[in-house]
Protein backbone atom coordinates (compact mmCIF):
# COMPACT_ATOMS: atom_id res chain seq x y z
CA UNK A 1 -139.95 -100.91 -142.93
CA UNK A 2 -140.02 -103.27 -145.56
CA UNK A 3 -140.17 -103.01 -149.50
CA UNK A 4 -142.72 -104.90 -151.42
CA UNK A 5 -143.54 -104.85 -155.40
CA UNK A 6 -147.15 -104.69 -156.23
CA UNK A 7 -148.20 -105.74 -159.77
CA UNK A 8 -151.62 -104.85 -161.29
CA UNK A 9 -153.19 -106.68 -163.71
CA UNK A 10 -156.14 -105.57 -166.39
CA UNK A 11 -158.74 -103.40 -164.56
CA UNK A 12 -156.92 -103.44 -161.47
CA UNK A 13 -153.95 -101.05 -162.65
CA UNK A 14 -154.09 -97.69 -160.93
CA UNK A 15 -153.41 -94.74 -162.83
CA UNK A 16 -152.29 -97.16 -165.63
CA UNK A 17 -149.43 -98.40 -163.30
CA UNK A 18 -148.49 -101.66 -164.24
CA UNK A 19 -146.37 -102.24 -160.77
CA UNK A 20 -144.94 -100.31 -158.04
CA UNK A 21 -142.47 -100.74 -155.43
CA UNK A 22 -144.05 -99.53 -151.74
CA UNK A 23 -142.45 -99.23 -148.38
CA UNK A 24 -144.56 -100.33 -145.76
CA UNK A 25 -144.79 -101.30 -142.10
CA UNK A 26 -143.42 -104.89 -141.07
CA UNK A 27 -146.08 -107.48 -140.13
CA UNK A 28 -148.83 -106.32 -142.57
CA UNK A 29 -151.24 -108.51 -143.91
CA UNK A 30 -152.15 -108.46 -147.69
CA UNK A 31 -155.63 -107.54 -146.70
CA UNK A 32 -154.63 -104.53 -144.70
CA UNK A 33 -152.21 -103.49 -147.64
CA UNK A 34 -155.02 -103.82 -150.18
CA UNK A 35 -157.23 -101.30 -147.96
CA UNK A 36 -154.12 -98.81 -147.87
CA UNK A 37 -153.77 -98.76 -151.73
CA UNK A 38 -157.47 -98.62 -152.43
CA UNK A 39 -158.08 -102.07 -153.88
CA UNK A 40 -161.14 -103.71 -152.81
CA UNK A 41 -160.67 -107.52 -151.53
CA UNK A 42 -163.69 -108.56 -153.71
CA UNK A 43 -162.33 -106.96 -156.54
CA UNK A 44 -159.30 -109.26 -156.77
CA UNK A 45 -160.20 -112.76 -157.97
CA UNK A 46 -156.41 -114.19 -157.64
CA UNK A 47 -154.04 -113.11 -155.23
CA UNK A 48 -150.28 -114.35 -155.54
CA UNK A 49 -147.42 -113.65 -153.52
CA UNK A 50 -143.97 -114.49 -154.85
CA UNK A 51 -145.97 -116.73 -157.60
CA UNK A 52 -147.89 -118.81 -154.98
CA UNK A 53 -151.67 -118.47 -154.52
CA UNK A 54 -152.14 -116.77 -150.91
CA UNK A 55 -154.85 -115.84 -148.59
CA UNK A 56 -155.48 -112.23 -147.40
CA UNK A 57 -154.18 -112.85 -144.00
CA UNK A 58 -150.81 -113.62 -145.21
CA UNK A 59 -148.20 -111.36 -143.61
CA UNK A 60 -146.00 -109.83 -146.01
CA UNK A 61 -142.33 -110.09 -145.99
CA UNK A 62 -139.43 -107.74 -147.17
CA UNK A 63 -138.99 -108.55 -150.88
CA UNK A 64 -142.20 -110.07 -151.57
CA UNK A 65 -144.08 -109.53 -155.12
CA UNK A 66 -147.66 -109.42 -155.09
CA UNK A 67 -149.83 -110.00 -158.05
CA UNK A 68 -153.35 -108.92 -158.16
CA UNK A 69 -155.58 -110.20 -161.08
CA UNK A 70 -159.33 -109.21 -161.68
CA UNK A 71 -162.07 -111.89 -162.37
CA UNK A 72 -162.11 -112.56 -165.94
CA UNK A 73 -165.56 -112.23 -167.77
CA UNK A 74 -166.39 -113.43 -171.17
CA UNK A 75 -168.85 -115.35 -173.43
């Protein structure tokens, strides 16, 4: 098992949580973790791991910080 931190921004906040620490299985992809926590990949416009834009196939490592940003609308 590994520990990672997930940071939620704007409309992706779950129950008003800004961040949480999760204990997950090793060798899990970002996409799989999103499924587990109930966030649809298409709802994430910017996906960062440790401050670097990352693909959904990235395999998370112990101590990673994943940040999820929704699309921003405006006019």
